[in-house]
């Protein structure tokens, strides 16, 4: 049975009005966001709101990011088919699904076990392949081996974590919100040899990154 045509129309409108018209132009990103059924990555009672221009709660104090922010962060790392991408903060699995739809091999780390299970369940429901979910601390990743062509951190850090820039391949890019608990700047790190080039892409607000190079639980 095919998808409800209302969801298909809402998704097309989301990409055109919320993402494309705000300057995200990467065709791979836009095509992936047209195809991935975002409503399968939100709680059932919020599915009709899945394509609205806002974040939505997914439980355990976490949210699925506003569609535009997902599009922007994805475009900042310039993903291509075959790239290895690390996501820190799997949430409901939607960001990982977008990357996988582009053709990336995705490793997504989530510190909350219930959200890891949710992401696995949602990805299976949406028939998304090429995503490995790991439950653990995103700034201490003994199980994860780099280098990665792209890294997306969907939680806010006080500074750019050195342990994660160390996992970037030469030429790789990282998108991360950096700032204090209340407001951050979406930051892109481009690694070239031993140097890091930093660019800034507007104010954002994310939940805090908890871990060795984020904030502690206290």
C-alpha atoms as a PDB file:
ATOM      1  CA  UNK A   1       0.000   0.000   0.000  1.00  0.00           C
ATOM      2  CA  UNK A   2       1.373   3.415  -0.962  1.00  0.00           C
ATOM      3  CA  UNK A   3       1.874   6.417   1.256  1.00  0.00           C
ATOM      4  CA  UNK A   4      -0.981   8.773   2.103  1.00  0.00           C
ATOM      5  CA  UNK A   5      -0.839  11.424  -0.646  1.00  0.00           C
ATOM      6  CA  UNK A   6      -1.380  14.164   1.967  1.00  0.00           C
ATOM      7  CA  UNK A   7       1.986  13.318   3.545  1.00  0.00           C
ATOM      8  CA  UNK A   8       3.652  13.293   0.126  1.00  0.00           C
ATOM      9  CA  UNK A   9       2.255  16.738  -0.661  1.00  0.00           C
ATOM     10  CA  UNK A  10       3.218  18.096   2.775  1.00  0.00           C
ATOM     11  CA  UNK A  11       6.769  16.840   2.342  1.00  0.00           C
ATOM     12  CA  UNK A  12       7.133  18.422  -1.093  1.00  0.00           C
ATOM     13  CA  UNK A  13       5.832  21.715   0.280  1.00  0.00           C
ATOM     14  CA  UNK A  14       8.196  21.462   3.276  1.00  0.00           C
ATOM     15  CA  UNK A  15      11.228  21.113   0.998  1.00  0.00           C
ATOM     16  CA  UNK A  16      10.178  23.932  -1.345  1.00  0.00           C
ATOM     17  CA  UNK A  17       9.039  26.524   1.207  1.00  0.00           C
ATOM     18  CA  UNK A  18      11.001  25.794   4.376  1.00  0.00           C
ATOM     19  CA  UNK A  19      14.328  24.566   3.012  1.00  0.00           C
ATOM     20  CA  UNK A  20      14.913  25.488  -0.622  1.00  0.00           C
ATOM     21  CA  UNK A  21      13.575  29.036  -0.257  1.00  0.00           C
ATOM     22  CA  UNK A  22      15.902  29.611   2.730  1.00  0.00           C
ATOM     23  CA  UNK A  23      19.011  28.907   0.705  1.00  0.00           C
ATOM     24  CA  UNK A  24      19.683  25.181   0.986  1.00  0.00           C
ATOM     25  CA  UNK A  25      20.373  24.253  -2.631  1.00  0.00           C
ATOM     26  CA  UNK A  26      22.278  20.936  -2.551  1.00  0.00           C
ATOM     27  CA  UNK A  27      20.174  18.694  -4.843  1.00  0.00           C
ATOM     28  CA  UNK A  28      21.193  15.522  -2.992  1.00  0.00           C
ATOM     29  CA  UNK A  29      19.942  16.965   0.287  1.00  0.00           C
ATOM     30  CA  UNK A  30      16.702  18.295  -1.160  1.00  0.00           C
ATOM     31  CA  UNK A  31      15.948  15.039  -2.993  1.00  0.00           C
ATOM     32  CA  UNK A  32      16.575  12.986   0.161  1.00  0.00           C
ATOM     33  CA  UNK A  33      14.282  15.214   2.200  1.00  0.00           C
ATOM     34  CA  UNK A  34      11.567  14.835  -0.428  1.00  0.00           C
ATOM     35  CA  UNK A  35      11.794  11.052  -0.147  1.00  0.00           C
ATOM     36  CA  UNK A  36      12.265  10.262   3.561  1.00  0.00           C
ATOM     37  CA  UNK A  37       8.884  10.007   5.356  1.00  0.00           C
ATOM     38  CA  UNK A  38       9.493  12.382   8.271  1.00  0.00           C
ATOM     39  CA  UNK A  39       6.129  11.503   9.833  1.00  0.00           C
ATOM     40  CA  UNK A  40       7.466   8.019  10.624  1.00  0.00           C
ATOM     41  CA  UNK A  41      10.125   9.590  12.861  1.00  0.00           C
ATOM     42  CA  UNK A  42       7.777  11.464  15.221  1.00  0.00           C
ATOM     43  CA  UNK A  43       5.322  10.145  17.830  1.00  0.00           C
ATOM     44  CA  UNK A  44       2.105   8.854  16.296  1.00  0.00           C
ATOM     45  CA  UNK A  45       0.001  11.608  17.877  1.00  0.00           C
ATOM     46  CA  UNK A  46       2.214  14.250  16.176  1.00  0.00           C
ATOM     47  CA  UNK A  47       2.408  12.733  12.706  1.00  0.00           C
ATOM     48  CA  UNK A  48       0.114  15.350  11.177  1.00  0.00           C
ATOM     49  CA  UNK A  49       2.530  18.028  12.463  1.00  0.00           C
ATOM     50  CA  UNK A  50       5.659  16.299  11.129  1.00  0.00           C
ATOM     51  CA  UNK A  51       6.141  18.687   8.204  1.00  0.00           C
ATOM     52  CA  UNK A  52       5.552  21.899  10.155  1.00  0.00           C
ATOM     53  CA  UNK A  53       8.317  24.512  10.424  1.00  0.00           C
ATOM     54  CA  UNK A  54       9.308  23.635  13.995  1.00  0.00           C
ATOM     55  CA  UNK A  55      11.028  21.011  16.145  1.00  0.00           C
ATOM     56  CA  UNK A  56       8.836  18.373  17.789  1.00  0.00           C
ATOM     57  CA  UNK A  57       9.254  16.394  21.037  1.00  0.00           C
ATOM     58  CA  UNK A  58      10.196  12.718  20.692  1.00  0.00           C
ATOM     59  CA  UNK A  59      10.386  11.867  24.408  1.00  0.00           C
ATOM     60  CA  UNK A  60      13.142  11.720  27.043  1.00  0.00           C
ATOM     61  CA  UNK A  61      13.706  15.481  26.771  1.00  0.00           C
ATOM     62  CA  UNK A  62      14.781  15.192  23.136  1.00  0.00           C
ATOM     63  CA  UNK A  63      13.372  16.683  19.933  1.00  0.00           C
ATOM     64  CA  UNK A  64      13.430  16.070  16.206  1.00  0.00           C
ATOM     65  CA  UNK A  65      14.975  19.220  14.754  1.00  0.00           C
ATOM     66  CA  UNK A  66      13.103  21.741  12.606  1.00  0.00           C
ATOM     67  CA  UNK A  67      13.237  20.531   8.950  1.00  0.00           C
ATOM     68  CA  UNK A  68      15.244  23.566   7.809  1.00  0.00           C
ATOM     69  CA  UNK A  69      17.942  22.925  10.431  1.00  0.00           C
ATOM     70  CA  UNK A  70      18.201  19.280   9.350  1.00  0.00           C
ATOM     71  CA  UNK A  71      18.576  20.409   5.744  1.00  0.00           C
ATOM     72  CA  UNK A  72      21.127  23.088   6.589  1.00  0.00           C
ATOM     73  CA  UNK A  73      23.294  20.870   8.791  1.00  0.00           C
ATOM     74  CA  UNK A  74      23.233  18.122   6.175  1.00  0.00           C
ATOM     75  CA  UNK A  75      24.204  20.535   3.400  1.00  0.00           C
ATOM     76  CA  UNK A  76      27.065  21.978   5.479  1.00  0.00           C
ATOM     77  CA  UNK A  77      28.920  18.656   5.514  1.00  0.00           C
ATOM     78  CA  UNK A  78      28.454  18.276   1.719  1.00  0.00           C
ATOM     79  CA  UNK A  79      27.612  14.548   1.822  1.00  0.00           C
ATOM     80  CA  UNK A  80      28.080  12.335  -1.223  1.00  0.00           C
ATOM     81  CA  UNK A  81      27.155   8.709  -1.923  1.00  0.00           C
ATOM     82  CA  UNK A  82      29.733   6.430  -0.339  1.00  0.00           C
ATOM     83  CA  UNK A  83      30.806   8.909   2.374  1.00  0.00           C
ATOM     84  CA  UNK A  84      31.257   7.677   5.925  1.00  0.00           C
ATOM     85  CA  UNK A  85      29.298   9.942   8.273  1.00  0.00           C
ATOM     86  CA  UNK A  86      29.120  10.023  12.057  1.00  0.00           C
ATOM     87  CA  UNK A  87      26.078  11.455  13.800  1.00  0.00           C
ATOM     88  CA  UNK A  88      26.244  12.221  17.520  1.00  0.00           C
ATOM     89  CA  UNK A  89      22.719  12.306  18.912  1.00  0.00           C
ATOM     90  CA  UNK A  90      20.626   9.842  16.894  1.00  0.00           C
ATOM     91  CA  UNK A  91      17.315  10.937  18.412  1.00  0.00           C
ATOM     92  CA  UNK A  92      14.468   9.429  16.456  1.00  0.00           C
ATOM     93  CA  UNK A  93      16.728   8.462  13.525  1.00  0.00           C
ATOM     94  CA  UNK A  94      15.554  11.103  11.032  1.00  0.00           C
ATOM     95  CA  UNK A  95      18.896  12.831  10.421  1.00  0.00           C
ATOM     96  CA  UNK A  96      20.555   9.447   9.915  1.00  0.00           C
ATOM     97  CA  UNK A  97      17.801   8.486   7.470  1.00  0.00           C
ATOM     98  CA  UNK A  98      18.433  11.611   5.363  1.00  0.00           C
ATOM     99  CA  UNK A  99      22.154  10.833   5.190  1.00  0.00           C
ATOM    100  CA  UNK A 100      21.499   7.185   4.330  1.00  0.00           C
ATOM    101  CA  UNK A 101      19.052   8.226   1.592  1.00  0.00           C
ATOM    102  CA  UNK A 102      21.850  10.292   0.037  1.00  0.00           C
ATOM    103  CA  UNK A 103      23.928   7.110  -0.040  1.00  0.00           C
ATOM    104  CA  UNK A 104      26.168   7.617   2.987  1.00  0.00           C
ATOM    105  CA  UNK A 105      27.231   4.875   5.373  1.00  0.00           C
ATOM    106  CA  UNK A 106      26.072   6.260   8.724  1.00  0.00           C
ATOM    107  CA  UNK A 107      27.152   5.541  12.291  1.00  0.00           C
ATOM    108  CA  UNK A 108      24.756   7.221  14.734  1.00  0.00           C
ATOM    109  CA  UNK A 109      25.527   7.413  18.456  1.00  0.00           C
ATOM    110  CA  UNK A 110      22.812   7.961  21.073  1.00  0.00           C
ATOM    111  CA  UNK A 111      23.418   8.073  24.838  1.00  0.00           C
ATOM    112  CA  UNK A 112      19.773   7.362  25.834  1.00  0.00           C
ATOM    113  CA  UNK A 113      19.020   3.642  25.321  1.00  0.00           C
ATOM    114  CA  UNK A 114      15.300   4.213  24.778  1.00  0.00           C
ATOM    115  CA  UNK A 115      16.054   6.640  21.945  1.00  0.00           C
ATOM    116  CA  UNK A 116      18.543   4.195  20.404  1.00  0.00           C
ATOM    117  CA  UNK A 117      15.742   1.626  20.328  1.00  0.00           C
ATOM    118  CA  UNK A 118      13.330   4.199  18.906  1.00  0.00           C
ATOM    119  CA  UNK A 119      15.752   5.168  16.139  1.00  0.00           C
ATOM    120  CA  UNK A 120      16.281   1.503  15.214  1.00  0.00           C
ATOM    121  CA  UNK A 121      12.524   0.942  15.127  1.00  0.00           C
ATOM    122  CA  UNK A 122      11.827   4.050  13.023  1.00  0.00           C
ATOM    123  CA  UNK A 123      14.596   3.299  10.514  1.00  0.00           C
ATOM    124  CA  UNK A 124      13.254  -0.220  10.079  1.00  0.00           C
ATOM    125  CA  UNK A 125       9.709   1.124   9.672  1.00  0.00           C
ATOM    126  CA  UNK A 126      10.930   3.524   6.959  1.00  0.00           C
ATOM    127  CA  UNK A 127      12.999   0.742   5.323  1.00  0.00           C
ATOM    128  CA  UNK A 128      16.260   2.699   5.692  1.00  0.00           C
ATOM    129  CA  UNK A 129      19.514   0.771   5.296  1.00  0.00           C
ATOM    130  CA  UNK A 130      23.198   1.645   5.890  1.00  0.00           C
ATOM    131  CA  UNK A 131      22.724   3.028   9.424  1.00  0.00           C
ATOM    132  CA  UNK A 132      24.417   1.565  12.506  1.00  0.00           C
ATOM    133  CA  UNK A 133      23.067   2.773  15.859  1.00  0.00           C
ATOM    134  CA  UNK A 134      25.406   2.705  18.859  1.00  0.00           C
ATOM    135  CA  UNK A 135      24.312   3.453  22.416  1.00  0.00           C
ATOM    136  CA  UNK A 136      27.015   5.452  24.164  1.00  0.00           C
ATOM    137  CA  UNK A 137      28.723   8.728  24.991  1.00  0.00           C
ATOM    138  CA  UNK A 138      29.205  10.802  21.857  1.00  0.00           C
ATOM    139  CA  UNK A 139      32.449  12.362  23.060  1.00  0.00           C
ATOM    140  CA  UNK A 140      34.084   9.075  24.116  1.00  0.00           C
ATOM    141  CA  UNK A 141      33.736   6.589  21.299  1.00  0.00           C
ATOM    142  CA  UNK A 142      36.027   3.584  21.751  1.00  0.00           C
ATOM    143  CA  UNK A 143      33.841   1.492  19.430  1.00  0.00           C
ATOM    144  CA  UNK A 144      33.917   4.024  16.589  1.00  0.00           C
ATOM    145  CA  UNK A 145      36.810   4.086  14.139  1.00  0.00           C
ATOM    146  CA  UNK A 146      37.411   7.062  11.859  1.00  0.00           C
ATOM    147  CA  UNK A 147      38.121   8.773   9.731  1.00  0.00           C
ATOM    148  CA  UNK A 148      34.707  10.129   8.739  1.00  0.00           C
ATOM    149  CA  UNK A 149      34.013  12.296   5.712  1.00  0.00           C
ATOM    150  CA  UNK A 150      31.324  14.113   7.672  1.00  0.00           C
ATOM    151  CA  UNK A 151      30.240  14.501  11.296  1.00  0.00           C
ATOM    152  CA  UNK A 152      26.955  15.996  12.497  1.00  0.00           C
ATOM    153  CA  UNK A 153      26.452  16.734  16.196  1.00  0.00           C
ATOM    154  CA  UNK A 154      22.796  17.294  17.052  1.00  0.00           C
ATOM    155  CA  UNK A 155      23.480  18.595  20.565  1.00  0.00           C
ATOM    156  CA  UNK A 156      25.123  21.796  21.754  1.00  0.00           C
ATOM    157  CA  UNK A 157      28.716  21.861  22.993  1.00  0.00           C
ATOM    158  CA  UNK A 158      30.514  24.670  24.851  1.00  0.00           C
ATOM    159  CA  UNK A 159      33.432  24.239  22.418  1.00  0.00           C
ATOM    160  CA  UNK A 160      34.255  22.067  19.411  1.00  0.00           C
ATOM    161  CA  UNK A 161      35.233  18.649  20.875  1.00  0.00           C
ATOM    162  CA  UNK A 162      38.832  17.720  19.894  1.00  0.00           C
ATOM    163  CA  UNK A 163      37.983  14.011  20.110  1.00  0.00           C
ATOM    164  CA  UNK A 164      35.507  14.494  17.262  1.00  0.00           C
ATOM    165  CA  UNK A 165      37.650  16.709  15.028  1.00  0.00           C
ATOM    166  CA  UNK A 166      40.287  13.977  15.373  1.00  0.00           C
ATOM    167  CA  UNK A 167      37.824  11.598  13.684  1.00  0.00           C
ATOM    168  CA  UNK A 168      37.437  13.837  10.614  1.00  0.00           C
ATOM    169  CA  UNK A 169      39.118  12.737   7.406  1.00  0.00           C
ATOM    170  CA  UNK A 170      41.338  15.166   5.507  1.00  0.00           C
ATOM    171  CA  UNK A 171      38.845  17.314   3.618  1.00  0.00           C
ATOM    172  CA  UNK A 172      36.039  16.286   5.963  1.00  0.00           C
ATOM    173  CA  UNK A 173      33.429  18.602   7.463  1.00  0.00           C
ATOM    174  CA  UNK A 174      31.649  18.819  10.790  1.00  0.00           C
ATOM    175  CA  UNK A 175      28.422  20.658  11.659  1.00  0.00           C
ATOM    176  CA  UNK A 176      27.944  21.419  15.348  1.00  0.00           C
ATOM    177  CA  UNK A 177      26.029  23.934  17.516  1.00  0.00           C
ATOM    178  CA  UNK A 178      28.553  25.740  19.758  1.00  0.00           C
ATOM    179  CA  UNK A 179      27.682  28.088  22.604  1.00  0.00           C
ATOM    180  CA  UNK A 180      26.043  28.159  26.007  1.00  0.00           C
ATOM    181  CA  UNK A 181      23.011  26.305  27.322  1.00  0.00           C
ATOM    182  CA  UNK A 182      20.512  28.843  25.990  1.00  0.00           C
ATOM    183  CA  UNK A 183      21.682  29.750  22.493  1.00  0.00           C
ATOM    184  CA  UNK A 184      24.382  28.535  20.155  1.00  0.00           C
ATOM    185  CA  UNK A 185      25.897  29.303  16.767  1.00  0.00           C
ATOM    186  CA  UNK A 186      25.693  26.619  14.086  1.00  0.00           C
ATOM    187  CA  UNK A 187      29.350  26.070  13.278  1.00  0.00           C
ATOM    188  CA  UNK A 188      30.988  24.253  10.367  1.00  0.00           C
ATOM    189  CA  UNK A 189      34.520  22.872  10.704  1.00  0.00           C
ATOM    190  CA  UNK A 190      36.424  22.008   7.506  1.00  0.00           C
ATOM    191  CA  UNK A 191      39.551  19.925   8.080  1.00  0.00           C
ATOM    192  CA  UNK A 192      42.438  20.411   5.647  1.00  0.00           C
ATOM    193  CA  UNK A 193      45.567  18.564   6.641  1.00  0.00           C
ATOM    194  CA  UNK A 194      46.353  19.678  10.178  1.00  0.00           C
ATOM    195  CA  UNK A 195      44.327  22.896   9.980  1.00  0.00           C
ATOM    196  CA  UNK A 196      40.681  23.562  10.754  1.00  0.00           C
ATOM    197  CA  UNK A 197      38.678  26.243   8.941  1.00  0.00           C
ATOM    198  CA  UNK A 198      35.664  27.522  10.875  1.00  0.00           C
ATOM    199  CA  UNK A 199      32.526  29.167   9.476  1.00  0.00           C
ATOM    200  CA  UNK A 200      29.336  30.276  11.252  1.00  0.00           C
ATOM    201  CA  UNK A 201      25.762  29.837  10.041  1.00  0.00           C
ATOM    202  CA  UNK A 202      23.345  31.553  12.391  1.00  0.00           C
ATOM    203  CA  UNK A 203      21.881  31.167  15.857  1.00  0.00           C
ATOM    204  CA  UNK A 204      20.306  27.861  16.870  1.00  0.00           C
ATOM    205  CA  UNK A 205      19.095  26.180  20.031  1.00  0.00           C
ATOM    206  CA  UNK A 206      19.798  22.521  20.790  1.00  0.00           C
ATOM    207  CA  UNK A 207      19.714  20.283  23.841  1.00  0.00           C
ATOM    208  CA  UNK A 208      23.146  20.090  25.555  1.00  0.00           C
ATOM    209  CA  UNK A 209      25.800  17.581  24.576  1.00  0.00           C
ATOM    210  CA  UNK A 210      26.444  15.458  27.655  1.00  0.00           C
ATOM    211  CA  UNK A 211      29.872  13.908  27.959  1.00  0.00           C
ATOM    212  CA  UNK A 212      33.588  14.385  28.475  1.00  0.00           C
ATOM    213  CA  UNK A 213      33.740  17.402  26.145  1.00  0.00           C
ATOM    214  CA  UNK A 214      30.198  18.639  26.600  1.00  0.00           C
ATOM    215  CA  UNK A 215      28.372  19.334  29.843  1.00  0.00           C
ATOM    216  CA  UNK A 216      28.217  16.998  32.814  1.00  0.00           C
ATOM    217  CA  UNK A 217      24.916  15.663  34.097  1.00  0.00           C
ATOM    218  CA  UNK A 218      25.004  18.023  37.089  1.00  0.00           C
END
